[in-house]
Amino acid sequence: MLQDAHSRKISIPVSAPIGDTAVIAGENDRWLYVHELIGDLASAGNLTIVAINEAAAERILATFTLDAGQGITLQDEPGEDNRPRFELKPGEDFVLRVTGGTFTGACHYSLRY
């Protein structure tokens, strides 16, 4: 049986102004597992979570409409032991697309070997 071995979780601060912000750069030989994204939006707007590969092809993973100061917490899939909220393929960047104001918070991720 093939094991799903991944690194321990890495925590980074996030500050994503209006537009696209590559929060985590993808690696060509590793899957990127995003376990948690927490934070809030300074002004009312949309937060879109996008995976973008080297060819600029996009996969929209989620979109949220938030009020000014409204917080969001996205964690591992409920009821599934340590299953990441978002799985990005090798070479895909984890990008936050923001409208309305700066999104600030934190992200917890790991890399699958």
C-alpha atoms as a PDB file:
ATOM      1  CA  MET A   1       0.000   0.000   0.000  1.00  0.00           C
ATOM      2  CA  LEU A   2       1.296   3.439  -0.927  1.00  0.00           C
ATOM      3  CA  GLN A   3       1.580   5.751   2.057  1.00  0.00           C
ATOM      4  CA  ASP A   4       0.593   9.388   1.922  1.00  0.00           C
ATOM      5  CA  ALA A   5       3.745  10.714   3.587  1.00  0.00           C
ATOM      6  CA  HIS A   6       3.971  14.445   3.975  1.00  0.00           C
ATOM      7  CA  SER A   7       6.063  16.956   5.862  1.00  0.00           C
ATOM      8  CA  ARG A   8       4.968  18.311   9.183  1.00  0.00           C
ATOM      9  CA  LYS A   9       2.726  21.347   8.977  1.00  0.00           C
ATOM     10  CA  ILE A  10       4.328  24.684   8.198  1.00  0.00           C
ATOM     11  CA  SER A  11       2.701  27.915   9.409  1.00  0.00           C
ATOM     12  CA  ILE A  12       3.113  31.224   7.579  1.00  0.00           C
ATOM     13  CA  PRO A  13       1.551  34.676   7.952  1.00  0.00           C
ATOM     14  CA  VAL A  14      -0.647  35.853   5.076  1.00  0.00           C
ATOM     15  CA  SER A  15      -1.161  39.391   3.812  1.00  0.00           C
ATOM     16  CA  ALA A  16      -2.933  39.478   0.440  1.00  0.00           C
ATOM     17  CA  PRO A  17      -3.847  42.907  -0.985  1.00  0.00           C
ATOM     18  CA  ILE A  18      -6.398  43.446  -3.749  1.00  0.00           C
ATOM     19  CA  GLY A  19      -5.495  41.326  -6.774  1.00  0.00           C
ATOM     20  CA  ASP A  20      -3.682  37.971  -6.988  1.00  0.00           C
ATOM     21  CA  THR A  21      -1.150  36.978  -4.335  1.00  0.00           C
ATOM     22  CA  ALA A  22       0.845  33.744  -4.589  1.00  0.00           C
ATOM     23  CA  VAL A  23       0.876  32.671  -0.952  1.00  0.00           C
ATOM     24  CA  ILE A  24       2.786  29.420  -1.534  1.00  0.00           C
ATOM     25  CA  ALA A  25       4.828  28.629  -4.637  1.00  0.00           C
ATOM     26  CA  GLY A  26       4.288  25.146  -6.003  1.00  0.00           C
ATOM     27  CA  GLU A  27       7.117  22.644  -6.410  1.00  0.00           C
ATOM     28  CA  ASN A  28       7.318  20.416  -9.474  1.00  0.00           C
ATOM     29  CA  ASP A  29       7.961  17.210  -7.550  1.00  0.00           C
ATOM     30  CA  ARG A  30       5.607  17.641  -4.574  1.00  0.00           C
ATOM     31  CA  TRP A  31       1.911  17.965  -3.849  1.00  0.00           C
ATOM     32  CA  LEU A  32       0.930  20.934  -1.704  1.00  0.00           C
ATOM     33  CA  TYR A  33      -1.577  20.279   1.073  1.00  0.00           C
ATOM     34  CA  VAL A  34      -3.269  23.337   2.563  1.00  0.00           C
ATOM     35  CA  HIS A  35      -4.671  22.309   5.949  1.00  0.00           C
ATOM     36  CA  GLU A  36      -5.914  25.632   7.295  1.00  0.00           C
ATOM     37  CA  LEU A  37      -6.486  29.207   6.172  1.00  0.00           C
ATOM     38  CA  ILE A  38      -7.649  31.727   8.752  1.00  0.00           C
ATOM     39  CA  GLY A  39      -8.001  35.485   8.587  1.00  0.00           C
ATOM     40  CA  ASP A  40     -10.262  38.374   7.703  1.00  0.00           C
ATOM     41  CA  LEU A  41     -10.894  40.871   4.940  1.00  0.00           C
ATOM     42  CA  ALA A  42     -10.369  44.600   5.670  1.00  0.00           C
ATOM     43  CA  SER A  43     -13.260  45.728   3.450  1.00  0.00           C
ATOM     44  CA  ALA A  44     -16.285  43.903   2.037  1.00  0.00           C
ATOM     45  CA  GLY A  45     -15.393  41.842  -1.033  1.00  0.00           C
ATOM     46  CA  ASN A  46     -14.584  38.407  -2.384  1.00  0.00           C
ATOM     47  CA  LEU A  47     -11.856  35.945  -1.483  1.00  0.00           C
ATOM     48  CA  THR A  48     -11.198  33.394  -4.208  1.00  0.00           C
ATOM     49  CA  ILE A  49      -8.762  30.546  -3.657  1.00  0.00           C
ATOM     50  CA  VAL A  50      -7.048  29.532  -6.889  1.00  0.00           C
ATOM     51  CA  ALA A  51      -4.472  26.943  -7.981  1.00  0.00           C
ATOM     52  CA  ILE A  52      -2.366  28.255 -10.890  1.00  0.00           C
ATOM     53  CA  ASN A  53       0.200  26.130 -12.714  1.00  0.00           C
ATOM     54  CA  GLU A  54       3.256  27.153 -14.760  1.00  0.00           C
ATOM     55  CA  ALA A  55       1.161  27.376 -17.946  1.00  0.00           C
ATOM     56  CA  ALA A  56      -1.131  29.895 -16.157  1.00  0.00           C
ATOM     57  CA  ALA A  57      -4.035  27.421 -16.168  1.00  0.00           C
ATOM     58  CA  GLU A  58      -6.327  28.064 -13.202  1.00  0.00           C
ATOM     59  CA  ARG A  59      -8.434  25.839 -10.954  1.00  0.00           C
ATOM     60  CA  ILE A  60     -10.817  27.753  -8.716  1.00  0.00           C
ATOM     61  CA  LEU A  61     -10.896  25.880  -5.412  1.00  0.00           C
ATOM     62  CA  ALA A  62     -13.345  28.095  -3.491  1.00  0.00           C
ATOM     63  CA  THR A  63     -14.941  31.548  -3.460  1.00  0.00           C
ATOM     64  CA  PHE A  64     -16.284  33.433  -0.450  1.00  0.00           C
ATOM     65  CA  THR A  65     -18.093  36.756  -0.135  1.00  0.00           C
ATOM     66  CA  LEU A  66     -17.115  38.486   3.104  1.00  0.00           C
ATOM     67  CA  ASP A  67     -18.235  41.628   4.913  1.00  0.00           C
ATOM     68  CA  ALA A  68     -15.659  44.127   6.186  1.00  0.00           C
ATOM     69  CA  GLY A  69     -13.804  42.563   9.104  1.00  0.00           C
ATOM     70  CA  GLN A  70     -15.586  39.218   8.691  1.00  0.00           C
ATOM     71  CA  GLY A  71     -13.323  36.336   9.589  1.00  0.00           C
ATOM     72  CA  ILE A  72     -13.003  32.986   7.890  1.00  0.00           C
ATOM     73  CA  THR A  73     -11.553  29.700   9.108  1.00  0.00           C
ATOM     74  CA  LEU A  74     -11.035  26.834   6.667  1.00  0.00           C
ATOM     75  CA  GLN A  75      -9.639  23.691   8.276  1.00  0.00           C
ATOM     76  CA  ASP A  76      -8.932  20.079   7.327  1.00  0.00           C
ATOM     77  CA  GLU A  77     -11.960  18.244   5.974  1.00  0.00           C
ATOM     78  CA  PRO A  78     -14.355  17.592   8.870  1.00  0.00           C
ATOM     79  CA  GLY A  79     -14.547  13.974   9.986  1.00  0.00           C
ATOM     80  CA  GLU A  80     -11.564  12.926   7.869  1.00  0.00           C
ATOM     81  CA  ASP A  81      -8.408  12.454   9.894  1.00  0.00           C
ATOM     82  CA  ASN A  82      -5.778  14.956   8.723  1.00  0.00           C
ATOM     83  CA  ARG A  83      -7.270  15.249   5.210  1.00  0.00           C
ATOM     84  CA  PRO A  84      -6.219  18.661   3.843  1.00  0.00           C
ATOM     85  CA  ARG A  85      -8.813  21.242   2.896  1.00  0.00           C
ATOM     86  CA  PHE A  86      -7.096  21.895  -0.452  1.00  0.00           C
ATOM     87  CA  GLU A  87      -4.808  19.592  -2.456  1.00  0.00           C
ATOM     88  CA  LEU A  88      -2.685  21.272  -5.112  1.00  0.00           C
ATOM     89  CA  LYS A  89      -0.961  19.260  -7.818  1.00  0.00           C
ATOM     90  CA  PRO A  90       2.810  19.445  -8.322  1.00  0.00           C
ATOM     91  CA  GLY A  91       3.751  22.784  -9.858  1.00  0.00           C
ATOM     92  CA  GLU A  92       0.572  24.611  -8.803  1.00  0.00           C
ATOM     93  CA  ASP A  93       0.834  27.824  -6.776  1.00  0.00           C
ATOM     94  CA  PHE A  94      -1.630  28.524  -3.942  1.00  0.00           C
ATOM     95  CA  VAL A  95      -3.061  31.936  -4.849  1.00  0.00           C
ATOM     96  CA  LEU A  96      -5.503  34.220  -3.065  1.00  0.00           C
ATOM     97  CA  ARG A  97      -7.516  36.511  -5.352  1.00  0.00           C
ATOM     98  CA  VAL A  98      -8.911  39.382  -3.305  1.00  0.00           C
ATOM     99  CA  THR A  99     -11.381  42.175  -4.071  1.00  0.00           C
ATOM    100  CA  GLY A 100     -12.421  44.852  -1.615  1.00  0.00           C
ATOM    101  CA  GLY A 101      -9.499  45.001   0.798  1.00  0.00           C
ATOM    102  CA  THR A 102      -6.451  43.227   2.197  1.00  0.00           C
ATOM    103  CA  PHE A 103      -6.888  39.700   3.553  1.00  0.00           C
ATOM    104  CA  THR A 104      -4.667  39.103   6.605  1.00  0.00           C
ATOM    105  CA  GLY A 105      -4.247  35.939   8.608  1.00  0.00           C
ATOM    106  CA  ALA A 106      -2.283  32.693   8.563  1.00  0.00           C
ATOM    107  CA  CYS A 107      -1.934  29.533   6.493  1.00  0.00           C
ATOM    108  CA  HIS A 108      -0.896  26.032   7.597  1.00  0.00           C
ATOM    109  CA  TYR A 109       0.333  23.626   4.938  1.00  0.00           C
ATOM    110  CA  SER A 110       2.488  20.585   4.260  1.00  0.00           C
ATOM    111  CA  LEU A 111       4.253  19.062   1.265  1.00  0.00           C
ATOM    112  CA  ARG A 112       3.587  15.529   0.050  1.00  0.00           C
ATOM    113  CA  TYR A 113       6.600  13.576  -1.148  1.00  0.00           C
END
